[in-house]
Amino acid sequence: MKRQLFPLLFCLVLIIVIIPGCIDTKESDSCSCNCSDDNATAIGLALTNSSVLHYLGSPYTIVGVNPRAETTLFKNGNYITIKTTDVMIETVNDTVHVHVDIPNCTVVSVWAQAKRFVPVPAG
């Protein structure tokens, strides 16, 4: 009887330990949106940021998402490098790089890379 009870008791304890971890939904640990696709989350955060909207007046295209990007920030008197997702948006004149910190739901850096136009020889 004891040998039959042990597997049942073991499974019960295992379920009791696993279930609380699966239903823990702390808002501070992740973005409020529950997307399984981090690229879609990064694009959504980039396109709704007020600093990025300045560049989106002309036609634009999202040309890529680099989930393994890094950016360096000056914080509390020190330079720190953090892992970010780089959303690249192409406009008529610029390629805008938007570095998104997905776990904190923030855009940490926006910079525009001007396109270089090669003059065509006359004639």
PDB file of N, CA and C in Angstrom:
ATOM      1  N   MET A   1       0.810  -1.192   0.000  1.00  0.00           N
ATOM      2  CA  MET A   1       0.000   0.000   0.000  1.00  0.00           C
ATOM      3  C   MET A   1       0.858   1.262   0.000  1.00  0.00           C
ATOM      4  N   LYS A   2       1.955   1.249   0.782  1.00  0.00           N
ATOM      5  CA  LYS A   2       2.827   2.415   0.858  1.00  0.00           C
ATOM      6  C   LYS A   2       3.491   2.688  -0.485  1.00  0.00           C
ATOM      7  N   ARG A   3       3.839   1.630  -1.221  1.00  0.00           N
ATOM      8  CA  ARG A   3       4.494   1.807  -2.520  1.00  0.00           C
ATOM      9  C   ARG A   3       3.534   2.422  -3.537  1.00  0.00           C
ATOM     10  N   GLN A   4       2.274   2.144  -3.459  1.00  0.00           N
ATOM     11  CA  GLN A   4       1.291   2.732  -4.372  1.00  0.00           C
ATOM     12  C   GLN A   4       0.985   4.173  -3.999  1.00  0.00           C
ATOM     13  N   LEU A   5       1.108   4.514  -2.768  1.00  0.00           N
ATOM     14  CA  LEU A   5       0.822   5.861  -2.293  1.00  0.00           C
ATOM     15  C   LEU A   5       1.947   6.848  -2.640  1.00  0.00           C
ATOM     16  N   PHE A   6       3.175   6.345  -2.674  1.00  0.00           N
ATOM     17  CA  PHE A   6       4.320   7.220  -2.936  1.00  0.00           C
ATOM     18  C   PHE A   6       4.242   7.936  -4.294  1.00  0.00           C
ATOM     19  N   PRO A   7       3.985   7.267  -5.438  1.00  0.00           N
ATOM     20  CA  PRO A   7       3.890   7.983  -6.721  1.00  0.00           C
ATOM     21  C   PRO A   7       2.756   9.014  -6.731  1.00  0.00           C
ATOM     22  N   LEU A   8       1.648   8.693  -6.118  1.00  0.00           N
ATOM     23  CA  LEU A   8       0.530   9.626  -6.058  1.00  0.00           C
ATOM     24  C   LEU A   8       0.897  10.860  -5.238  1.00  0.00           C
ATOM     25  N   LEU A   9       1.538  10.644  -4.101  1.00  0.00           N
ATOM     26  CA  LEU A   9       1.957  11.750  -3.245  1.00  0.00           C
ATOM     27  C   LEU A   9       3.016  12.593  -3.953  1.00  0.00           C
ATOM     28  N   PHE A  10       3.944  11.946  -4.644  1.00  0.00           N
ATOM     29  CA  PHE A  10       4.989  12.668  -5.377  1.00  0.00           C
ATOM     30  C   PHE A  10       4.380  13.556  -6.457  1.00  0.00           C
ATOM     31  N   CYS A  11       3.432  13.040  -7.221  1.00  0.00           N
ATOM     32  CA  CYS A  11       2.777  13.826  -8.277  1.00  0.00           C
ATOM     33  C   CYS A  11       1.997  14.988  -7.687  1.00  0.00           C
ATOM     34  N   LEU A  12       1.355  14.783  -6.567  1.00  0.00           N
ATOM     35  CA  LEU A  12       0.595  15.842  -5.914  1.00  0.00           C
ATOM     36  C   LEU A  12       1.507  16.971  -5.460  1.00  0.00           C
ATOM     37  N   VAL A  13       2.643  16.631  -4.855  1.00  0.00           N
ATOM     38  CA  VAL A  13       3.605  17.655  -4.419  1.00  0.00           C
ATOM     39  C   VAL A  13       4.181  18.382  -5.628  1.00  0.00           C
ATOM     40  N   LEU A  14       4.478  17.671  -6.690  1.00  0.00           N
ATOM     41  CA  LEU A  14       5.021  18.282  -7.899  1.00  0.00           C
ATOM     42  C   LEU A  14       4.034  19.283  -8.503  1.00  0.00           C
ATOM     43  N   ILE A  15       2.789  18.925  -8.560  1.00  0.00           N
ATOM     44  CA  ILE A  15       1.756  19.821  -9.091  1.00  0.00           C
ATOM     45  C   ILE A  15       1.612  21.056  -8.209  1.00  0.00           C
ATOM     46  N   ILE A  16       1.664  20.887  -6.902  1.00  0.00           N
ATOM     47  CA  ILE A  16       1.543  22.016  -5.979  1.00  0.00           C
ATOM     48  C   ILE A  16       2.714  22.979  -6.146  1.00  0.00           C
ATOM     49  N   VAL A  17       3.889  22.462  -6.461  1.00  0.00           N
ATOM     50  CA  VAL A  17       5.065  23.308  -6.647  1.00  0.00           C
ATOM     51  C   VAL A  17       5.029  24.014  -8.000  1.00  0.00           C
ATOM     52  N   ILE A  18       4.576  23.367  -9.052  1.00  0.00           N
ATOM     53  CA  ILE A  18       4.600  23.918 -10.403  1.00  0.00           C
ATOM     54  C   ILE A  18       3.503  24.950 -10.635  1.00  0.00           C
ATOM     55  N   ILE A  19       2.311  24.709 -10.181  1.00  0.00           N
ATOM     56  CA  ILE A  19       1.157  25.565 -10.477  1.00  0.00           C
ATOM     57  C   ILE A  19       1.375  27.025 -10.057  1.00  0.00           C
ATOM     58  N   PRO A  20       1.857  27.334  -8.860  1.00  0.00           N
ATOM     59  CA  PRO A  20       2.030  28.751  -8.518  1.00  0.00           C
ATOM     60  C   PRO A  20       2.998  29.481  -9.450  1.00  0.00           C
ATOM     61  N   GLY A  21       4.027  28.822  -9.928  1.00  0.00           N
ATOM     62  CA  GLY A  21       4.954  29.453 -10.869  1.00  0.00           C
ATOM     63  C   GLY A  21       4.319  29.718 -12.216  1.00  0.00           C
ATOM     64  N   CYS A  22       3.377  28.895 -12.621  1.00  0.00           N
ATOM     65  CA  CYS A  22       2.728  29.059 -13.913  1.00  0.00           C
ATOM     66  C   CYS A  22       1.662  30.149 -13.897  1.00  0.00           C
ATOM     67  N   ILE A  23       1.095  30.421 -12.754  1.00  0.00           N
ATOM     68  CA  ILE A  23       0.034  31.424 -12.708  1.00  0.00           C
ATOM     69  C   ILE A  23       0.513  32.757 -12.158  1.00  0.00           C
ATOM     70  N   ASP A  24       1.815  32.888 -11.879  1.00  0.00           N
ATOM     71  CA  ASP A  24       2.355  34.146 -11.401  1.00  0.00           C
ATOM     72  C   ASP A  24       2.384  35.141 -12.546  1.00  0.00           C
ATOM     73  N   THR A  25       1.651  36.233 -12.431  1.00  0.00           N
ATOM     74  CA  THR A  25       1.585  37.230 -13.513  1.00  0.00           C
ATOM     75  C   THR A  25       1.940  38.602 -12.987  1.00  0.00           C
ATOM     76  N   LYS A  26       3.171  38.779 -12.565  1.00  0.00           N
ATOM     77  CA  LYS A  26       3.616  40.078 -12.088  1.00  0.00           C
ATOM     78  C   LYS A  26       3.737  41.014 -13.282  1.00  0.00           C
ATOM     79  N   GLU A  27       3.117  42.173 -13.188  1.00  0.00           N
ATOM     80  CA  GLU A  27       3.168  43.147 -14.274  1.00  0.00           C
ATOM     81  C   GLU A  27       4.555  43.766 -14.399  1.00  0.00           C
ATOM     82  N   SER A  28       5.310  43.826 -13.316  1.00  0.00           N
ATOM     83  CA  SER A  28       6.611  44.483 -13.357  1.00  0.00           C
ATOM     84  C   SER A  28       7.661  43.647 -14.077  1.00  0.00           C
ATOM     85  N   ASP A  29       7.434  42.355 -14.245  1.00  0.00           N
ATOM     86  CA  ASP A  29       8.428  41.504 -14.870  1.00  0.00           C
ATOM     87  C   ASP A  29       8.421  41.582 -16.391  1.00  0.00           C
ATOM     88  N   SER A  30       7.330  41.990 -16.996  1.00  0.00           N
ATOM     89  CA  SER A  30       7.266  41.995 -18.449  1.00  0.00           C
ATOM     90  C   SER A  30       6.326  43.097 -18.919  1.00  0.00           C
ATOM     91  N   CYS A  31       6.275  43.248 -20.243  1.00  0.00           N
ATOM     92  CA  CYS A  31       5.373  44.242 -20.814  1.00  0.00           C
ATOM     93  C   CYS A  31       3.930  43.902 -20.489  1.00  0.00           C
ATOM     94  N   SER A  32       3.102  44.931 -20.493  1.00  0.00           N
ATOM     95  CA  SER A  32       1.700  44.697 -20.199  1.00  0.00           C
ATOM     96  C   SER A  32       1.012  43.933 -21.321  1.00  0.00           C
ATOM     97  N   CYS A  33       1.556  44.020 -22.533  1.00  0.00           N
ATOM     98  CA  CYS A  33       0.985  43.220 -23.608  1.00  0.00           C
ATOM     99  C   CYS A  33       1.559  41.812 -23.507  1.00  0.00           C
ATOM    100  N   ASN A  34       0.760  40.844 -23.774  1.00  0.00           N
ATOM    101  CA  ASN A  34       1.182  39.457 -23.632  1.00  0.00           C
ATOM    102  C   ASN A  34       1.436  38.817 -24.983  1.00  0.00           C
ATOM    103  N   CYS A  35       2.206  39.495 -25.826  1.00  0.00           N
ATOM    104  CA  CYS A  35       2.529  38.957 -27.136  1.00  0.00           C
ATOM    105  C   CYS A  35       3.613  37.901 -26.998  1.00  0.00           C
ATOM    106  N   SER A  36       3.476  36.843 -27.726  1.00  0.00           N
ATOM    107  CA  SER A  36       4.525  35.828 -27.723  1.00  0.00           C
ATOM    108  C   SER A  36       5.628  36.209 -28.697  1.00  0.00           C
ATOM    109  N   ASP A  37       5.388  37.188 -29.546  1.00  0.00           N
ATOM    110  CA  ASP A  37       6.358  37.616 -30.547  1.00  0.00           C
ATOM    111  C   ASP A  37       7.009  38.913 -30.090  1.00  0.00           C
ATOM    112  N   ASP A  38       8.278  38.852 -29.673  1.00  0.00           N
ATOM    113  CA  ASP A  38       8.981  40.040 -29.211  1.00  0.00           C
ATOM    114  C   ASP A  38       9.188  41.053 -30.328  1.00  0.00           C
ATOM    115  N   ASN A  39       9.324  40.590 -31.586  1.00  0.00           N
ATOM    116  CA  ASN A  39       9.489  41.525 -32.698  1.00  0.00           C
ATOM    117  C   ASN A  39       8.252  42.391 -32.858  1.00  0.00           C
ATOM    118  N   ALA A  40       7.075  41.798 -32.751  1.00  0.00           N
ATOM    119  CA  ALA A  40       5.832  42.573 -32.865  1.00  0.00           C
ATOM    120  C   ALA A  40       5.715  43.563 -31.718  1.00  0.00           C
ATOM    121  N   THR A  41       6.112  43.166 -30.524  1.00  0.00           N
ATOM    122  CA  THR A  41       6.087  44.066 -29.374  1.00  0.00           C
ATOM    123  C   THR A  41       7.032  45.234 -29.600  1.00  0.00           C
ATOM    124  N   ALA A  42       8.247  44.951 -30.089  1.00  0.00           N
ATOM    125  CA  ALA A  42       9.231  46.003 -30.344  1.00  0.00           C
ATOM    126  C   ALA A  42       8.732  46.980 -31.399  1.00  0.00           C
ATOM    127  N   ILE A  43       8.140  46.468 -32.470  1.00  0.00           N
ATOM    128  CA  ILE A  43       7.613  47.340 -33.523  1.00  0.00           C
ATOM    129  C   ILE A  43       6.483  48.206 -32.977  1.00  0.00           C
ATOM    130  N   GLY A  44       5.597  47.628 -32.191  1.00  0.00           N
ATOM    131  CA  GLY A  44       4.502  48.389 -31.608  1.00  0.00           C
ATOM    132  C   GLY A  44       4.988  49.490 -30.689  1.00  0.00           C
ATOM    133  N   LEU A  45       5.975  49.195 -29.856  1.00  0.00           N
ATOM    134  CA  LEU A  45       6.531  50.222 -28.967  1.00  0.00           C
ATOM    135  C   LEU A  45       7.242  51.313 -29.766  1.00  0.00           C
ATOM    136  N   ALA A  46       7.937  50.909 -30.832  1.00  0.00           N
ATOM    137  CA  ALA A  46       8.666  51.893 -31.648  1.00  0.00           C
ATOM    138  C   ALA A  46       7.708  52.833 -32.376  1.00  0.00           C
ATOM    139  N   LEU A  47       6.654  52.279 -32.954  1.00  0.00           N
ATOM    140  CA  LEU A  47       5.743  53.103 -33.759  1.00  0.00           C
ATOM    141  C   LEU A  47       4.841  54.007 -32.928  1.00  0.00           C
ATOM    142  N   THR A  48       4.735  53.759 -31.629  1.00  0.00           N
ATOM    143  CA  THR A  48       3.890  54.608 -30.793  1.00  0.00           C
ATOM    144  C   THR A  48       4.691  55.580 -29.940  1.00  0.00           C
ATOM    145  N   ASN A  49       6.005  55.585 -30.085  1.00  0.00           N
ATOM    146  CA  ASN A  49       6.845  56.494 -29.312  1.00  0.00           C
ATOM    147  C   ASN A  49       6.799  57.892 -29.910  1.00  0.00           C
ATOM    148  N   SER A  50       6.670  58.901 -29.055  1.00  0.00           N
ATOM    149  CA  SER A  50       6.533  60.284 -29.545  1.00  0.00           C
ATOM    150  C   SER A  50       7.788  60.772 -30.266  1.00  0.00           C
ATOM    151  N   SER A  51       8.964  60.309 -29.881  1.00  0.00           N
ATOM    152  CA  SER A  51      10.195  60.726 -30.562  1.00  0.00           C
ATOM    153  C   SER A  51      10.285  60.139 -31.963  1.00  0.00           C
ATOM    154  N   VAL A  52       9.706  58.980 -32.175  1.00  0.00           N
ATOM    155  CA  VAL A  52       9.745  58.325 -33.481  1.00  0.00           C
ATOM    156  C   VAL A  52       8.705  58.930 -34.418  1.00  0.00           C
ATOM    157  N   LEU A  53       7.578  59.353 -33.867  1.00  0.00           N
ATOM    158  CA  LEU A  53       6.501  59.912 -34.699  1.00  0.00           C
ATOM    159  C   LEU A  53       6.962  61.120 -35.503  1.00  0.00           C
ATOM    160  N   HIS A  54       7.955  61.826 -35.004  1.00  0.00           N
ATOM    161  CA  HIS A  54       8.526  62.970 -35.720  1.00  0.00           C
ATOM    162  C   HIS A  54       9.046  62.562 -37.105  1.00  0.00           C
ATOM    163  N   TYR A  55       9.602  61.364 -37.212  1.00  0.00           N
ATOM    164  CA  TYR A  55      10.177  60.888 -38.476  1.00  0.00           C
ATOM    165  C   TYR A  55       9.146  60.234 -39.394  1.00  0.00           C
ATOM    166  N   LEU A  56       7.983  59.912 -38.875  1.00  0.00           N
ATOM    167  CA  LEU A  56       7.020  59.138 -39.646  1.00  0.00           C
ATOM    168  C   LEU A  56       6.027  59.986 -40.428  1.00  0.00           C
ATOM    169  N   GLY A  57       6.311  61.256 -40.626  1.00  0.00           N
ATOM    170  CA  GLY A  57       5.421  62.107 -41.405  1.00  0.00           C
ATOM    171  C   GLY A  57       5.422  61.740 -42.880  1.00  0.00           C
ATOM    172  N   SER A  58       6.541  61.250 -43.359  1.00  0.00           N
ATOM    173  CA  SER A  58       6.624  60.835 -44.761  1.00  0.00           C
ATOM    174  C   SER A  58       6.371  59.333 -44.841  1.00  0.00           C
ATOM    175  N   PRO A  59       6.216  58.802 -46.036  1.00  0.00           N
ATOM    176  CA  PRO A  59       6.033  57.346 -46.141  1.00  0.00           C
ATOM    177  C   PRO A  59       7.224  56.615 -45.509  1.00  0.00           C
ATOM    178  N   TYR A  60       6.931  55.521 -44.839  1.00  0.00           N
ATOM    179  CA  TYR A  60       7.992  54.764 -44.187  1.00  0.00           C
ATOM    180  C   TYR A  60       7.758  53.265 -44.367  1.00  0.00           C
ATOM    181  N   THR A  61       8.852  52.513 -44.185  1.00  0.00           N
ATOM    182  CA  THR A  61       8.813  51.059 -44.264  1.00  0.00           C
ATOM    183  C   THR A  61       9.667  50.502 -43.144  1.00  0.00           C
ATOM    184  N   ILE A  62       9.176  49.481 -42.471  1.00  0.00           N
ATOM    185  CA  ILE A  62       9.994  48.799 -41.473  1.00  0.00           C
ATOM    186  C   ILE A  62      10.859  47.811 -42.238  1.00  0.00           C
ATOM    187  N   VAL A  63      12.167  48.053 -42.228  1.00  0.00           N
ATOM    188  CA  VAL A  63      13.071  47.247 -43.048  1.00  0.00           C
ATOM    189  C   VAL A  63      13.728  46.113 -42.277  1.00  0.00           C
ATOM    190  N   GLY A  64      13.622  46.127 -40.961  1.00  0.00           N
ATOM    191  CA  GLY A  64      14.225  45.030 -40.209  1.00  0.00           C
ATOM    192  C   GLY A  64      14.085  45.197 -38.716  1.00  0.00           C
ATOM    193  N   VAL A  65      14.265  44.081 -38.018  1.00  0.00           N
ATOM    194  CA  VAL A  65      14.270  44.059 -36.564  1.00  0.00           C
ATOM    195  C   VAL A  65      15.452  43.199 -36.140  1.00  0.00           C
ATOM    196  N   ASN A  66      16.334  43.772 -35.339  1.00  0.00           N
ATOM    197  CA  ASN A  66      17.499  43.045 -34.843  1.00  0.00           C
ATOM    198  C   ASN A  66      17.319  42.829 -33.341  1.00  0.00           C
ATOM    199  N   PRO A  67      16.932  41.618 -32.935  1.00  0.00           N
ATOM    200  CA  PRO A  67      16.691  41.367 -31.515  1.00  0.00           C
ATOM    201  C   PRO A  67      17.963  41.235 -30.688  1.00  0.00           C
ATOM    202  N   ARG A  68      19.138  41.225 -31.334  1.00  0.00           N
ATOM    203  CA  ARG A  68      20.392  41.065 -30.603  1.00  0.00           C
ATOM    204  C   ARG A  68      21.242  42.331 -30.631  1.00  0.00           C
ATOM    205  N   ALA A  69      20.596  43.470 -30.626  1.00  0.00           N
ATOM    206  CA  ALA A  69      21.328  44.734 -30.665  1.00  0.00           C
ATOM    207  C   ALA A  69      21.726  45.142 -29.246  1.00  0.00           C
ATOM    208  N   GLU A  70      22.627  46.088 -29.175  1.00  0.00           N
ATOM    209  CA  GLU A  70      23.031  46.682 -27.907  1.00  0.00           C
ATOM    210  C   GLU A  70      23.104  48.185 -28.096  1.00  0.00           C
ATOM    211  N   THR A  71      22.907  48.914 -27.026  1.00  0.00           N
ATOM    212  CA  THR A  71      23.062  50.358 -27.078  1.00  0.00           C
ATOM    213  C   THR A  71      23.724  50.812 -25.791  1.00  0.00           C
ATOM    214  N   THR A  72      24.491  51.872 -25.892  1.00  0.00           N
ATOM    215  CA  THR A  72      25.197  52.419 -24.736  1.00  0.00           C
ATOM    216  C   THR A  72      24.518  53.706 -24.311  1.00  0.00           C
ATOM    217  N   LEU A  73      24.230  53.799 -23.022  1.00  0.00           N
ATOM    218  CA  LEU A  73      23.546  54.959 -22.463  1.00  0.00           C
ATOM    219  C   LEU A  73      24.403  55.576 -21.367  1.00  0.00           C
ATOM    220  N   PHE A  74      24.239  56.880 -21.173  1.00  0.00           N
ATOM    221  CA  PHE A  74      24.909  57.572 -20.076  1.00  0.00           C
ATOM    222  C   PHE A  74      23.903  57.692 -18.947  1.00  0.00           C
ATOM    223  N   LYS A  75      24.174  56.999 -17.832  1.00  0.00           N
ATOM    224  CA  LYS A  75      23.225  56.968 -16.728  1.00  0.00           C
ATOM    225  C   LYS A  75      23.972  57.060 -15.405  1.00  0.00           C
ATOM    226  N   ASN A  76      23.544  57.985 -14.564  1.00  0.00           N
ATOM    227  CA  ASN A  76      24.148  58.179 -13.234  1.00  0.00           C
ATOM    228  C   ASN A  76      25.659  58.396 -13.298  1.00  0.00           C
ATOM    229  N   GLY A  77      26.107  59.145 -14.295  1.00  0.00           N
ATOM    230  CA  GLY A  77      27.526  59.451 -14.423  1.00  0.00           C
ATOM    231  C   GLY A  77      28.373  58.358 -15.045  1.00  0.00           C
ATOM    232  N   ASN A  78      27.754  57.282 -15.487  1.00  0.00           N
ATOM    233  CA  ASN A  78      28.491  56.173 -16.093  1.00  0.00           C
ATOM    234  C   ASN A  78      27.857  55.776 -17.420  1.00  0.00           C
ATOM    235  N   TYR A  79      28.687  55.209 -18.274  1.00  0.00           N
ATOM    236  CA  TYR A  79      28.176  54.633 -19.507  1.00  0.00           C
ATOM    237  C   TYR A  79      27.828  53.172 -19.241  1.00  0.00           C
ATOM    238  N   ILE A  80      26.628  52.780 -19.621  1.00  0.00           N
ATOM    239  CA  ILE A  80      26.217  51.387 -19.478  1.00  0.00           C
ATOM    240  C   ILE A  80      25.749  50.878 -20.834  1.00  0.00           C
ATOM    241  N   THR A  81      26.010  49.617 -21.095  1.00  0.00           N
ATOM    242  CA  THR A  81      25.573  48.979 -22.336  1.00  0.00           C
ATOM    243  C   THR A  81      24.484  47.979 -21.991  1.00  0.00           C
ATOM    244  N   ILE A  82      23.342  48.096 -22.680  1.00  0.00           N
ATOM    245  CA  ILE A  82      22.234  47.183 -22.421  1.00  0.00           C
ATOM    246  C   ILE A  82      21.832  46.495 -23.718  1.00  0.00           C
ATOM    247  N   LYS A  83      21.268  45.309 -23.577  1.00  0.00           N
ATOM    248  CA  LYS A  83      20.756  44.567 -24.732  1.00  0.00           C
ATOM    249  C   LYS A  83      19.389  45.134 -25.093  1.00  0.00           C
ATOM    250  N   THR A  84      19.197  45.392 -26.376  1.00  0.00           N
ATOM    251  CA  THR A  84      17.945  45.958 -26.858  1.00  0.00           C
ATOM    252  C   THR A  84      17.542  45.262 -28.151  1.00  0.00           C
ATOM    253  N   THR A  85      16.392  45.648 -28.640  1.00  0.00           N
ATOM    254  CA  THR A  85      15.940  45.231 -29.968  1.00  0.00           C
ATOM    255  C   THR A  85      15.947  46.476 -30.841  1.00  0.00           C
ATOM    256  N   ASP A  86      16.613  46.396 -31.978  1.00  0.00           N
ATOM    257  CA  ASP A  86      16.720  47.537 -32.895  1.00  0.00           C
ATOM    258  C   ASP A  86      15.672  47.386 -33.992  1.00  0.00           C
ATOM    259  N   VAL A  87      14.727  48.333 -34.029  1.00  0.00           N
ATOM    260  CA  VAL A  87      13.724  48.380 -35.094  1.00  0.00           C
ATOM    261  C   VAL A  87      14.211  49.415 -36.099  1.00  0.00           C
ATOM    262  N   MET A  88      14.408  48.989 -37.345  1.00  0.00           N
ATOM    263  CA  MET A  88      14.915  49.881 -38.382  1.00  0.00           C
ATOM    264  C   MET A  88      13.769  50.302 -39.294  1.00  0.00           C
ATOM    265  N   ILE A  89      13.551  51.605 -39.361  1.00  0.00           N
ATOM    266  CA  ILE A  89      12.458  52.170 -40.146  1.00  0.00           C
ATOM    267  C   ILE A  89      13.069  53.057 -41.227  1.00  0.00           C
ATOM    268  N   GLU A  90      12.733  52.763 -42.466  1.00  0.00           N
ATOM    269  CA  GLU A  90      13.268  53.546 -43.578  1.00  0.00           C
ATOM    270  C   GLU A  90      12.249  54.580 -44.015  1.00  0.00           C
ATOM    271  N   THR A  91      12.695  55.841 -44.072  1.00  0.00           N
ATOM    272  CA  THR A  91      11.869  56.935 -44.589  1.00  0.00           C
ATOM    273  C   THR A  91      12.520  57.439 -45.871  1.00  0.00           C
ATOM    274  N   VAL A  92      11.991  58.505 -46.417  1.00  0.00           N
ATOM    275  CA  VAL A  92      12.535  59.040 -47.662  1.00  0.00           C
ATOM    276  C   VAL A  92      13.979  59.492 -47.493  1.00  0.00           C
ATOM    277  N   ASN A  93      14.289  60.158 -46.370  1.00  0.00           N
ATOM    278  CA  ASN A  93      15.624  60.729 -46.180  1.00  0.00           C
ATOM    279  C   ASN A  93      16.509  59.969 -45.201  1.00  0.00           C
ATOM    280  N   ASP A  94      15.924  59.166 -44.308  1.00  0.00           N
ATOM    281  CA  ASP A  94      16.684  58.552 -43.221  1.00  0.00           C
ATOM    282  C   ASP A  94      16.346  57.080 -43.038  1.00  0.00           C
ATOM    283  N   THR A  95      17.263  56.390 -42.356  1.00  0.00           N
ATOM    284  CA  THR A  95      16.956  55.104 -41.764  1.00  0.00           C
ATOM    285  C   THR A  95      16.978  55.346 -40.259  1.00  0.00           C
ATOM    286  N   VAL A  96      15.842  55.205 -39.614  1.00  0.00           N
ATOM    287  CA  VAL A  96      15.700  55.504 -38.198  1.00  0.00           C
ATOM    288  C   VAL A  96      15.895  54.209 -37.412  1.00  0.00           C
ATOM    289  N   HIS A  97      16.807  54.245 -36.450  1.00  0.00           N
ATOM    290  CA  HIS A  97      17.065  53.098 -35.580  1.00  0.00           C
ATOM    291  C   HIS A  97      16.414  53.382 -34.230  1.00  0.00           C
ATOM    292  N   VAL A  98      15.508  52.504 -33.833  1.00  0.00           N
ATOM    293  CA  VAL A  98      14.795  52.656 -32.568  1.00  0.00           C
ATOM    294  C   VAL A  98      15.184  51.475 -31.689  1.00  0.00           C
ATOM    295  N   HIS A  99      15.898  51.756 -30.605  1.00  0.00           N
ATOM    296  CA  HIS A  99      16.321  50.701 -29.677  1.00  0.00           C
ATOM    297  C   HIS A  99      15.278  50.573 -28.579  1.00  0.00           C
ATOM    298  N   VAL A 100      14.689  49.369 -28.473  1.00  0.00           N
ATOM    299  CA  VAL A 100      13.586  49.110 -27.558  1.00  0.00           C
ATOM    300  C   VAL A 100      14.042  48.136 -26.475  1.00  0.00           C
ATOM    301  N   ASP A 101      13.748  48.484 -25.230  1.00  0.00           N
ATOM    302  CA  ASP A 101      13.976  47.593 -24.097  1.00  0.00           C
ATOM    303  C   ASP A 101      12.646  46.902 -23.811  1.00  0.00           C
ATOM    304  N   ILE A 102      12.460  45.703 -24.353  1.00  0.00           N
ATOM    305  CA  ILE A 102      11.170  45.009 -24.274  1.00  0.00           C
ATOM    306  C   ILE A 102      10.760  44.674 -22.841  1.00  0.00           C
ATOM    307  N   PRO A 103      11.650  44.147 -21.988  1.00  0.00           N
ATOM    308  CA  PRO A 103      11.200  43.825 -20.630  1.00  0.00           C
ATOM    309  C   PRO A 103      10.660  45.033 -19.862  1.00  0.00           C
ATOM    310  N   ASN A 104      11.177  46.229 -20.161  1.00  0.00           N
ATOM    311  CA  ASN A 104      10.714  47.433 -19.466  1.00  0.00           C
ATOM    312  C   ASN A 104       9.718  48.252 -20.288  1.00  0.00           C
ATOM    313  N   CYS A 105       9.354  47.767 -21.464  1.00  0.00           N
ATOM    314  CA  CYS A 105       8.387  48.443 -22.339  1.00  0.00           C
ATOM    315  C   CYS A 105       8.773  49.888 -22.636  1.00  0.00           C
ATOM    316  N   THR A 106      10.039  50.122 -22.932  1.00  0.00           N
ATOM    317  CA  THR A 106      10.487  51.491 -23.184  1.00  0.00           C
ATOM    318  C   THR A 106      11.349  51.558 -24.447  1.00  0.00           C
ATOM    319  N   VAL A 107      11.318  52.722 -25.052  1.00  0.00           N
ATOM    320  CA  VAL A 107      12.242  53.047 -26.135  1.00  0.00           C
ATOM    321  C   VAL A 107      13.397  53.782 -25.485  1.00  0.00           C
ATOM    322  N   VAL A 108      14.612  53.245 -25.586  1.00  0.00           N
ATOM    323  CA  VAL A 108      15.750  53.829 -24.892  1.00  0.00           C
ATOM    324  C   VAL A 108      16.618  54.709 -25.786  1.00  0.00           C
ATOM    325  N   SER A 109      16.478  54.565 -27.099  1.00  0.00           N
ATOM    326  CA  SER A 109      17.309  55.357 -27.995  1.00  0.00           C
ATOM    327  C   SER A 109      16.662  55.445 -29.369  1.00  0.00           C
ATOM    328  N   VAL A 110      16.722  56.642 -29.945  1.00  0.00           N
ATOM    329  CA  VAL A 110      16.241  56.862 -31.312  1.00  0.00           C
ATOM    330  C   VAL A 110      17.306  57.681 -32.026  1.00  0.00           C
ATOM    331  N   TRP A 111      17.792  57.176 -33.150  1.00  0.00           N
ATOM    332  CA  TRP A 111      18.719  57.978 -33.941  1.00  0.00           C
ATOM    333  C   TRP A 111      18.490  57.725 -35.420  1.00  0.00           C
ATOM    334  N   ALA A 112      18.640  58.806 -36.169  1.00  0.00           N
ATOM    335  CA  ALA A 112      18.403  58.753 -37.610  1.00  0.00           C
ATOM    336  C   ALA A 112      19.735  58.704 -38.345  1.00  0.00           C
ATOM    337  N   GLN A 113      19.835  57.768 -39.249  1.00  0.00           N
ATOM    338  CA  GLN A 113      21.009  57.641 -40.102  1.00  0.00           C
ATOM    339  C   GLN A 113      20.624  58.201 -41.458  1.00  0.00           C
ATOM    340  N   ALA A 114      21.223  59.332 -41.806  1.00  0.00           N
ATOM    341  CA  ALA A 114      20.882  59.983 -43.067  1.00  0.00           C
ATOM    342  C   ALA A 114      21.307  59.130 -44.251  1.00  0.00           C
ATOM    343  N   LYS A 115      20.439  59.094 -45.263  1.00  0.00           N
ATOM    344  CA  LYS A 115      20.776  58.372 -46.493  1.00  0.00           C
ATOM    345  C   LYS A 115      21.736  59.220 -47.309  1.00  0.00           C
ATOM    346  N   ARG A 116      22.619  58.550 -47.984  1.00  0.00           N
ATOM    347  CA  ARG A 116      23.563  59.265 -48.848  1.00  0.00           C
ATOM    348  C   ARG A 116      23.094  59.135 -50.273  1.00  0.00           C
ATOM    349  N   PHE A 117      22.902  60.262 -50.905  1.00  0.00           N
ATOM    350  CA  PHE A 117      22.481  60.268 -52.291  1.00  0.00           C
ATOM    351  C   PHE A 117      23.694  60.515 -53.178  1.00  0.00           C
ATOM    352  N   VAL A 118      23.866  59.668 -54.157  1.00  0.00           N
ATOM    353  CA  VAL A 118      24.977  59.788 -55.087  1.00  0.00           C
ATOM    354  C   VAL A 118      24.486  60.620 -56.261  1.00  0.00           C
ATOM    355  N   PRO A 119      25.177  61.730 -56.541  1.00  0.00           N
ATOM    356  CA  PRO A 119      24.744  62.561 -57.660  1.00  0.00           C
ATOM    357  C   PRO A 119      24.942  61.834 -59.002  1.00  0.00           C
ATOM    358  N   VAL A 120      23.991  62.021 -59.865  1.00  0.00           N
ATOM    359  CA  VAL A 120      24.075  61.413 -61.194  1.00  0.00           C
ATOM    360  C   VAL A 120      24.742  62.421 -62.128  1.00  0.00           C
ATOM    361  N   PRO A 121      25.769  61.979 -62.855  1.00  0.00           N
ATOM    362  CA  PRO A 121      26.450  62.913 -63.772  1.00  0.00           C
ATOM    363  C   PRO A 121      25.487  63.423 -64.848  1.00  0.00           C
ATOM    364  N   ALA A 122      25.584  64.679 -65.136  1.00  0.00           N
ATOM    365  CA  ALA A 122      24.738  65.283 -66.165  1.00  0.00           C
ATOM    366  C   ALA A 122      25.175  64.799 -67.540  1.00  0.00           C
ATOM    367  N   GLY A 123      24.195  64.564 -68.353  1.00  0.00           N
ATOM    368  CA  GLY A 123      24.469  64.400 -69.668  1.00  0.00           C
ATOM    369  C   GLY A 123      24.651  63.324 -70.513  1.00  0.00           C
TER     370      GLY A 123
END
